[in-house]
Protein backbone atom coordinates (compact mmCIF):
# COMPACT_ATOMS: atom_id res chain seq x y z
CA SER A 1 -73.34 -43.85 -182.40
CA ASP A 2 -71.75 -41.31 -184.61
CA ILE A 3 -71.34 -42.92 -188.19
CA GLU A 4 -68.39 -40.13 -188.28
CA ASN A 5 -66.77 -41.76 -185.61
CA ASN A 6 -66.97 -45.25 -186.20
CA SER A 7 -64.90 -47.38 -188.49
CA TYR A 8 -66.24 -49.16 -191.80
CA ILE A 9 -65.31 -51.83 -194.17
CA MET A 10 -67.49 -52.95 -197.56
CA GLY A 11 -67.78 -56.40 -198.90
CA VAL A 12 -68.50 -56.43 -202.38
CA ASP A 13 -69.99 -59.59 -204.37
CA ILE A 14 -70.78 -58.74 -208.06
CA SER A 15 -73.42 -60.54 -209.73
CA LYS A 16 -72.52 -62.79 -212.92
CA GLY A 17 -74.89 -60.67 -215.20
CA VAL A 18 -76.74 -64.12 -215.05
CA GLY A 19 -80.55 -63.12 -214.61
CA LEU A 20 -81.60 -63.77 -211.16
CA ASP A 21 -78.28 -62.90 -209.77
CA PHE A 22 -77.87 -60.21 -206.93
CA SER A 23 -74.81 -57.93 -206.59
CA VAL A 24 -74.47 -57.58 -202.77
CA ILE A 25 -72.59 -55.07 -200.59
CA GLN A 26 -72.35 -55.77 -196.96
CA ILE A 27 -71.16 -53.11 -194.67
CA LEU A 28 -69.71 -53.60 -191.11
CA ASP A 29 -68.92 -51.57 -188.18
CA ILE A 30 -65.34 -52.68 -187.10
CA THR A 31 -64.85 -50.16 -184.52
CA ASN A 32 -64.94 -52.77 -182.12
CA PRO A 33 -62.88 -55.29 -184.27
CA ASN A 34 -64.10 -58.49 -181.50
CA LYS A 35 -67.14 -57.65 -181.93
CA ILE A 36 -67.61 -56.77 -185.41
CA ILE A 37 -71.95 -55.73 -186.06
CA GLN A 38 -73.44 -55.64 -189.97
CA VAL A 39 -75.16 -52.18 -190.53
CA ALA A 40 -76.34 -52.41 -194.08
CA VAL A 41 -76.54 -54.76 -196.94
CA TYR A 42 -77.18 -53.15 -200.48
CA ARG A 43 -78.52 -56.50 -202.06
CA TYR A 44 -79.69 -55.67 -205.94
CA GLN A 45 -80.30 -56.79 -209.98
CA ILE A 46 -78.43 -53.68 -210.80
CA SER A 47 -76.23 -53.12 -214.20
CA THR A 48 -72.38 -52.91 -213.94
CA ILE A 49 -73.06 -49.34 -215.82
CA ASP A 50 -74.70 -48.26 -212.70
CA PHE A 51 -72.91 -50.11 -209.65
CA PRO A 52 -69.74 -47.91 -209.05
CA ALA A 53 -71.77 -44.72 -208.49
CA VAL A 54 -73.66 -46.81 -205.55
CA ILE A 55 -70.55 -48.35 -204.27
CA GLU A 56 -68.50 -45.00 -203.84
CA LEU A 57 -71.78 -43.04 -202.55
CA LEU A 58 -72.05 -45.99 -200.03
CA SER A 59 -68.18 -45.91 -199.12
CA LYS A 60 -68.95 -42.10 -198.71
CA ILE A 61 -71.71 -42.39 -196.15
CA TYR A 62 -69.95 -44.56 -194.10
CA ASN A 63 -66.96 -42.99 -192.88
CA ASN A 64 -64.67 -43.51 -196.66
CA ALA A 65 -65.80 -47.67 -195.95
CA LEU A 66 -62.03 -49.54 -196.74
CA THR A 67 -63.98 -52.06 -199.93
CA LEU A 68 -62.86 -55.56 -201.35
CA ILE A 69 -64.44 -55.95 -204.26
CA GLU A 70 -64.54 -59.13 -206.07
CA SER A 71 -62.35 -59.12 -209.24
CA ASN A 72 -63.64 -62.13 -211.30
CA ASN A 73 -66.24 -61.92 -213.95
CA LEU A 74 -67.31 -58.45 -214.16
CA GLY A 75 -65.85 -57.03 -211.38
CA ASP A 76 -62.71 -56.30 -212.72
CA GLY A 77 -64.63 -53.52 -215.03
CA ILE A 78 -66.16 -52.07 -212.04
CA ILE A 79 -62.83 -51.71 -210.58
CA ASN A 80 -61.56 -50.47 -212.96
CA ASP A 81 -64.19 -47.95 -213.85
CA LEU A 82 -64.14 -47.13 -209.97
CA HIS A 83 -60.69 -46.37 -209.91
CA HIS A 84 -60.01 -44.18 -213.35
CA ASN A 85 -63.50 -42.51 -213.05
CA TYR A 86 -64.62 -41.92 -210.13
CA GLU A 87 -61.11 -41.52 -208.26
CA PHE A 88 -61.98 -44.08 -206.06
CA ASP A 89 -58.75 -44.88 -203.54
CA ASN A 90 -60.84 -46.99 -200.72
CA ILE A 91 -60.20 -50.05 -202.86
CA LEU A 92 -58.39 -53.33 -201.50
CA SER A 93 -55.81 -55.75 -202.59
CA SER A 94 -56.48 -59.18 -201.47
CA ASN A 95 -52.74 -59.47 -203.05
CA PRO A 96 -50.60 -56.53 -204.31
CA ASN A 97 -49.06 -58.84 -207.54
CA LYS A 98 -52.86 -59.54 -208.55
CA GLY A 99 -54.07 -56.21 -208.77
CA LEU A 100 -56.73 -54.36 -207.06
CA GLY A 101 -59.86 -56.47 -205.63
CA ILE A 102 -59.91 -60.23 -204.56
CA TYR A 103 -60.17 -62.93 -207.24
CA THR A 104 -61.87 -65.90 -205.89
CA SER A 105 -60.53 -68.73 -206.82
CA LYS A 106 -61.55 -72.48 -205.27
CA SER A 107 -58.09 -71.69 -202.85
CA SER A 108 -59.31 -68.17 -201.61
CA LYS A 109 -62.93 -69.05 -201.61
CA THR A 110 -61.65 -71.42 -198.52
CA GLN A 111 -59.57 -69.00 -196.99
CA MET A 112 -62.52 -66.61 -196.89
CA LEU A 113 -65.12 -69.21 -195.85
CA SER A 114 -62.97 -70.46 -193.15
CA ASN A 115 -62.39 -66.80 -191.97
CA LEU A 116 -66.26 -66.39 -192.09
CA LYS A 117 -66.76 -69.39 -190.31
CA TYR A 118 -64.41 -67.80 -187.28
CA TYR A 119 -66.15 -64.51 -186.79
CA LEU A 120 -69.51 -66.54 -186.47
CA THR A 121 -68.32 -69.49 -184.21
CA LYS A 122 -66.50 -67.55 -181.90
CA ASN A 123 -69.25 -64.79 -181.72
CA LYS A 124 -67.41 -61.99 -183.16
CA VAL A 125 -69.89 -60.82 -185.70
CA GLU A 126 -73.61 -59.71 -185.29
CA ILE A 127 -75.54 -60.10 -188.47
CA ASN A 128 -78.61 -58.64 -188.19
CA ASP A 129 -80.35 -58.70 -191.92
CA PHE A 130 -83.18 -61.34 -192.79
CA ASP A 131 -81.73 -62.29 -196.35
CA THR A 132 -78.11 -63.05 -194.99
CA ILE A 133 -79.48 -65.49 -191.84
CA HIS A 134 -81.45 -66.75 -194.26
CA GLU A 135 -78.49 -67.73 -196.79
CA LEU A 136 -75.88 -68.81 -194.15
CA SER A 137 -78.95 -71.25 -192.74
CA VAL A 138 -79.21 -72.71 -196.26
CA PHE A 139 -75.09 -72.65 -197.44
CA THR A 140 -73.81 -76.24 -197.99
CA VAL A 141 -70.44 -77.88 -198.15
CA LYS A 142 -70.61 -79.81 -201.36
CA SER A 143 -68.98 -83.04 -201.40
CA ASN A 144 -66.26 -82.25 -203.98
CA SER A 145 -65.13 -79.30 -201.54
CA THR A 146 -67.01 -76.71 -203.54
CA VAL A 147 -68.92 -74.58 -201.31
CA SER A 148 -72.46 -72.72 -202.51
CA ALA A 149 -75.98 -72.27 -201.59
CA GLU A 150 -78.33 -75.18 -202.10
CA GLN A 151 -80.55 -75.69 -205.63
CA GLY A 152 -82.81 -73.01 -206.34
CA GLU A 153 -80.79 -71.04 -203.43
CA HIS A 154 -78.90 -67.47 -203.59
CA ASP A 155 -75.59 -67.50 -202.03
CA ASP A 156 -74.56 -63.63 -203.17
CA THR A 157 -74.74 -61.93 -199.41
CA VAL A 158 -72.93 -64.78 -197.67
CA MET A 159 -70.18 -64.04 -200.19
CA ALA A 160 -70.52 -60.76 -199.41
CA LEU A 161 -70.03 -60.92 -195.92
CA ALA A 162 -66.84 -63.52 -196.61
CA ILE A 163 -64.99 -60.93 -198.53
CA ALA A 164 -65.68 -58.23 -196.37
CA LEU A 165 -64.91 -59.94 -193.19
CA TYR A 166 -61.41 -61.23 -195.28
CA ILE A 167 -60.29 -57.45 -194.76
CA MET A 168 -59.88 -58.49 -191.12
CA LYS A 169 -57.11 -60.76 -192.82
CA LEU A 170 -55.08 -58.29 -194.90
CA ASN A 171 -53.33 -57.09 -192.02
CA ILE A 172 -54.01 -53.20 -192.09
CA ILE A 173 -56.75 -53.24 -189.88
CA ASP A 174 -55.41 -52.86 -186.38
CA VAL A 175 -57.10 -56.15 -184.31
CA ASP A 176 -56.50 -56.85 -180.75
CA MET A 177 -55.15 -60.28 -180.97
CA SER A 178 -55.21 -60.53 -176.79
CA ASP A 179 -58.20 -62.45 -176.73
CA ASN A 180 -57.07 -65.14 -179.95
CA ILE A 181 -53.72 -65.26 -177.82
CA ASN A 182 -55.52 -66.42 -174.66
CA GLU A 183 -57.40 -68.69 -176.84
CA ILE A 184 -54.11 -69.99 -178.16
CA LYS A 185 -52.86 -70.35 -174.67
CA GLN A 186 -55.33 -72.36 -173.90
CA GLU A 187 -55.21 -74.88 -176.81
CA VAL A 188 -51.61 -75.05 -176.42
CA TYR A 189 -52.11 -75.85 -172.46
CA ALA A 190 -54.46 -78.61 -173.27
CA THR A 191 -51.82 -79.67 -175.14
CA ILE A 192 -49.45 -79.94 -172.87
CA LEU A 193 -51.84 -81.31 -170.20
CA GLY A 194 -53.60 -83.50 -172.57
């Protein structure tokens, strides 16, 4: 299918800059919001100086993909660089009061991951990348309700995917909710008839 006729979003998880961590961009085709397709993953140990150019280029390639970037750690600097030096205006904000990007706190991470779980369990997203599938398989919820990869494993592709899919919750993309309404009706009926 033609890229220029489709709609794309990108989720960006930025390396904490500690040795073995990767920076990841997940690129999703949301032309059909009920069947989102993972079309590309950029996963690389790249310096924060070079990363903004990659983000901008990939957004351009994928029909000016709307982009949500983690603003923690070094993310804030990358967002500023994109905004001021690249005049890149496809950066979304998960909370307009807190500036551009998404700040990953314990509570926002919980929201992102429950949204990710929804898309995966309802089969509304097709994952095609081996690293992502592998990381999802070793992703665990710790007893203290923090969530991360098992010891010695990475979770950067999972977090980038969760960030990308969180865009669907920001009410900027017109998602046909008819499927959800039917599900809600069934739940309500089940409760009434229960």
